C-alpha atoms as a PDB file:
ATOM      1  CA  UNK A   1      83.289  99.156  -8.613  1.00  0.00           C
ATOM      2  CA  UNK A   2      85.926  97.959  -6.119  1.00  0.00           C
ATOM      3  CA  UNK A   3      86.559  94.687  -4.842  1.00  0.00           C
ATOM      4  CA  UNK A   4      85.717  95.726  -1.455  1.00  0.00           C
ATOM      5  CA  UNK A   5      82.027  96.988  -2.702  1.00  0.00           C
ATOM      6  CA  UNK A   6      81.294  94.181  -4.431  1.00  0.00           C
ATOM      7  CA  UNK A   7      82.014  91.814  -0.978  1.00  0.00           C
ATOM      8  CA  UNK A   8      80.155  94.420   1.227  1.00  0.00           C
ATOM      9  CA  UNK A   9      76.925  93.835  -1.241  1.00  0.00           C
ATOM     10  CA  UNK A  10      77.259  89.819  -0.764  1.00  0.00           C
ATOM     11  CA  UNK A  11      77.346  90.820   3.129  1.00  0.00           C
ATOM     12  CA  UNK A  12      74.417  93.097   2.926  1.00  0.00           C
ATOM     13  CA  UNK A  13      72.518  90.073   0.448  1.00  0.00           C
ATOM     14  CA  UNK A  14      73.333  87.733   3.843  1.00  0.00           C
ATOM     15  CA  UNK A  15      71.441  90.409   5.764  1.00  0.00           C
ATOM     16  CA  UNK A  16      68.661  90.544   3.471  1.00  0.00           C
ATOM     17  CA  UNK A  17      68.349  86.920   3.758  1.00  0.00           C
ATOM     18  CA  UNK A  18      68.118  87.126   8.111  1.00  0.00           C
ATOM     19  CA  UNK A  19      65.534  89.616   7.775  1.00  0.00           C
ATOM     20  CA  UNK A  20      63.432  87.810   5.335  1.00  0.00           C
ATOM     21  CA  UNK A  21      63.301  84.941   8.309  1.00  0.00           C
ATOM     22  CA  UNK A  22      62.439  87.244  10.909  1.00  0.00           C
ATOM     23  CA  UNK A  23      65.613  87.763  12.270  1.00  0.00           C
ATOM     24  CA  UNK A  24      68.258  90.550  12.572  1.00  0.00           C
ATOM     25  CA  UNK A  25      69.331  91.773   9.353  1.00  0.00           C
ATOM     26  CA  UNK A  26      73.393  91.439   9.823  1.00  0.00           C
ATOM     27  CA  UNK A  27      75.191  89.747   7.221  1.00  0.00           C
ATOM     28  CA  UNK A  28      78.930  88.388   6.751  1.00  0.00           C
ATOM     29  CA  UNK A  29      81.222  86.804   4.130  1.00  0.00           C
ATOM     30  CA  UNK A  30      84.395  85.147   4.283  1.00  0.00           C
ATOM     31  CA  UNK A  31      87.098  86.527   1.530  1.00  0.00           C
ATOM     32  CA  UNK A  32      90.105  84.324   0.487  1.00  0.00           C
ATOM     33  CA  UNK A  33      92.130  85.309  -3.003  1.00  0.00           C
ATOM     34  CA  UNK A  34      88.998  87.218  -4.062  1.00  0.00           C
ATOM     35  CA  UNK A  35      86.961  84.250  -3.859  1.00  0.00           C
ATOM     36  CA  UNK A  36      83.455  84.098  -1.517  1.00  0.00           C
ATOM     37  CA  UNK A  37      84.244  81.044   1.038  1.00  0.00           C
ATOM     38  CA  UNK A  38      81.878  81.205   3.812  1.00  0.00           C
ATOM     39  CA  UNK A  39      78.559  83.152   3.871  1.00  0.00           C
ATOM     40  CA  UNK A  40      76.593  83.656   7.069  1.00  0.00           C
ATOM     41  CA  UNK A  41      73.824  85.882   8.767  1.00  0.00           C
ATOM     42  CA  UNK A  42      72.527  86.352  12.395  1.00  0.00           C
ATOM     43  CA  UNK A  43      70.181  83.551  13.379  1.00  0.00           C
ATOM     44  CA  UNK A  44      70.211  84.394  17.181  1.00  0.00           C
ATOM     45  CA  UNK A  45      65.762  85.071  16.668  1.00  0.00           C
ATOM     46  CA  UNK A  46      65.375  81.637  14.157  1.00  0.00           C
ATOM     47  CA  UNK A  47      67.687  79.208  16.559  1.00  0.00           C
ATOM     48  CA  UNK A  48      66.912  80.871  19.792  1.00  0.00           C
ATOM     49  CA  UNK A  49      70.888  81.273  20.273  1.00  0.00           C
ATOM     50  CA  UNK A  50      72.724  83.791  22.336  1.00  0.00           C
ATOM     51  CA  UNK A  51      76.022  82.899  19.836  1.00  0.00           C
ATOM     52  CA  UNK A  52      74.984  82.566  16.327  1.00  0.00           C
ATOM     53  CA  UNK A  53      75.808  86.241  14.853  1.00  0.00           C
ATOM     54  CA  UNK A  54      76.613  86.471  11.335  1.00  0.00           C
ATOM     55  CA  UNK A  55      80.026  86.644  11.747  1.00  0.00           C
ATOM     56  CA  UNK A  56      80.064  83.371  13.560  1.00  0.00           C
ATOM     57  CA  UNK A  57      77.930  81.859  11.361  1.00  0.00           C
ATOM     58  CA  UNK A  58      79.782  82.563   8.145  1.00  0.00           C
ATOM     59  CA  UNK A  59      83.004  81.139  10.009  1.00  0.00           C
ATOM     60  CA  UNK A  60      81.080  78.075  10.457  1.00  0.00           C
ATOM     61  CA  UNK A  61      79.722  77.801   7.188  1.00  0.00           C
ATOM     62  CA  UNK A  62      83.093  78.427   5.463  1.00  0.00           C
ATOM     63  CA  UNK A  63      84.217  75.029   7.202  1.00  0.00           C
ATOM     64  CA  UNK A  64      87.885  74.192   8.862  1.00  0.00           C
ATOM     65  CA  UNK A  65      90.464  75.938   7.204  1.00  0.00           C
ATOM     66  CA  UNK A  66      94.149  75.850   7.212  1.00  0.00           C
ATOM     67  CA  UNK A  67      95.878  78.305   9.257  1.00  0.00           C
ATOM     68  CA  UNK A  68      97.824  80.004   6.173  1.00  0.00           C
ATOM     69  CA  UNK A  69      94.215  80.391   4.322  1.00  0.00           C
ATOM     70  CA  UNK A  70      92.533  82.316   7.462  1.00  0.00           C
ATOM     71  CA  UNK A  71      95.772  84.466   7.283  1.00  0.00           C
ATOM     72  CA  UNK A  72      94.979  85.608   4.112  1.00  0.00           C
ATOM     73  CA  UNK A  73      91.461  85.788   4.311  1.00  0.00           C
ATOM     74  CA  UNK A  74      89.181  88.654   4.897  1.00  0.00           C
ATOM     75  CA  UNK A  75      86.020  88.885   6.878  1.00  0.00           C
ATOM     76  CA  UNK A  76      83.385  91.241   5.650  1.00  0.00           C
ATOM     77  CA  UNK A  77      80.244  92.375   7.905  1.00  0.00           C
ATOM     78  CA  UNK A  78      77.634  94.773   7.824  1.00  0.00           C
ATOM     79  CA  UNK A  79      78.000  95.861  11.581  1.00  0.00           C
ATOM     80  CA  UNK A  80      80.833  95.747  13.613  1.00  0.00           C
ATOM     81  CA  UNK A  81      81.626  92.331  15.012  1.00  0.00           C
ATOM     82  CA  UNK A  82      81.109  92.267  18.669  1.00  0.00           C
ATOM     83  CA  UNK A  83      83.983  91.104  20.826  1.00  0.00           C
ATOM     84  CA  UNK A  84      82.685  87.523  20.970  1.00  0.00           C
ATOM     85  CA  UNK A  85      82.709  87.503  16.792  1.00  0.00           C
ATOM     86  CA  UNK A  86      86.218  89.569  16.707  1.00  0.00           C
ATOM     87  CA  UNK A  87      87.845  87.004  19.249  1.00  0.00           C
ATOM     88  CA  UNK A  88      86.667  84.301  17.022  1.00  0.00           C
ATOM     89  CA  UNK A  89      88.179  86.056  14.027  1.00  0.00           C
ATOM     90  CA  UNK A  90      91.490  86.768  15.501  1.00  0.00           C
ATOM     91  CA  UNK A  91      91.927  83.399  16.776  1.00  0.00           C
ATOM     92  CA  UNK A  92      91.723  81.967  13.162  1.00  0.00           C
END
């Protein structure tokens, strides 16, 4: 199994967590040098938030990283990111 498949499976596990919480089943993981440094899932329903998409949750959970870390990172998501999440990923 390729490394990409492994990380996508982890994103799917995050999506399952969101579904188990009664939310929208979308998951995301942030990877640097083959290591998951952030995980997240959509929490819009659970938190009544317009912005807690899986990718935003993942980036927030990764904590503040250096610009060089973001440059070598890969963001995996179970759904194509919306404009807001794409913008956040590009910004960092």
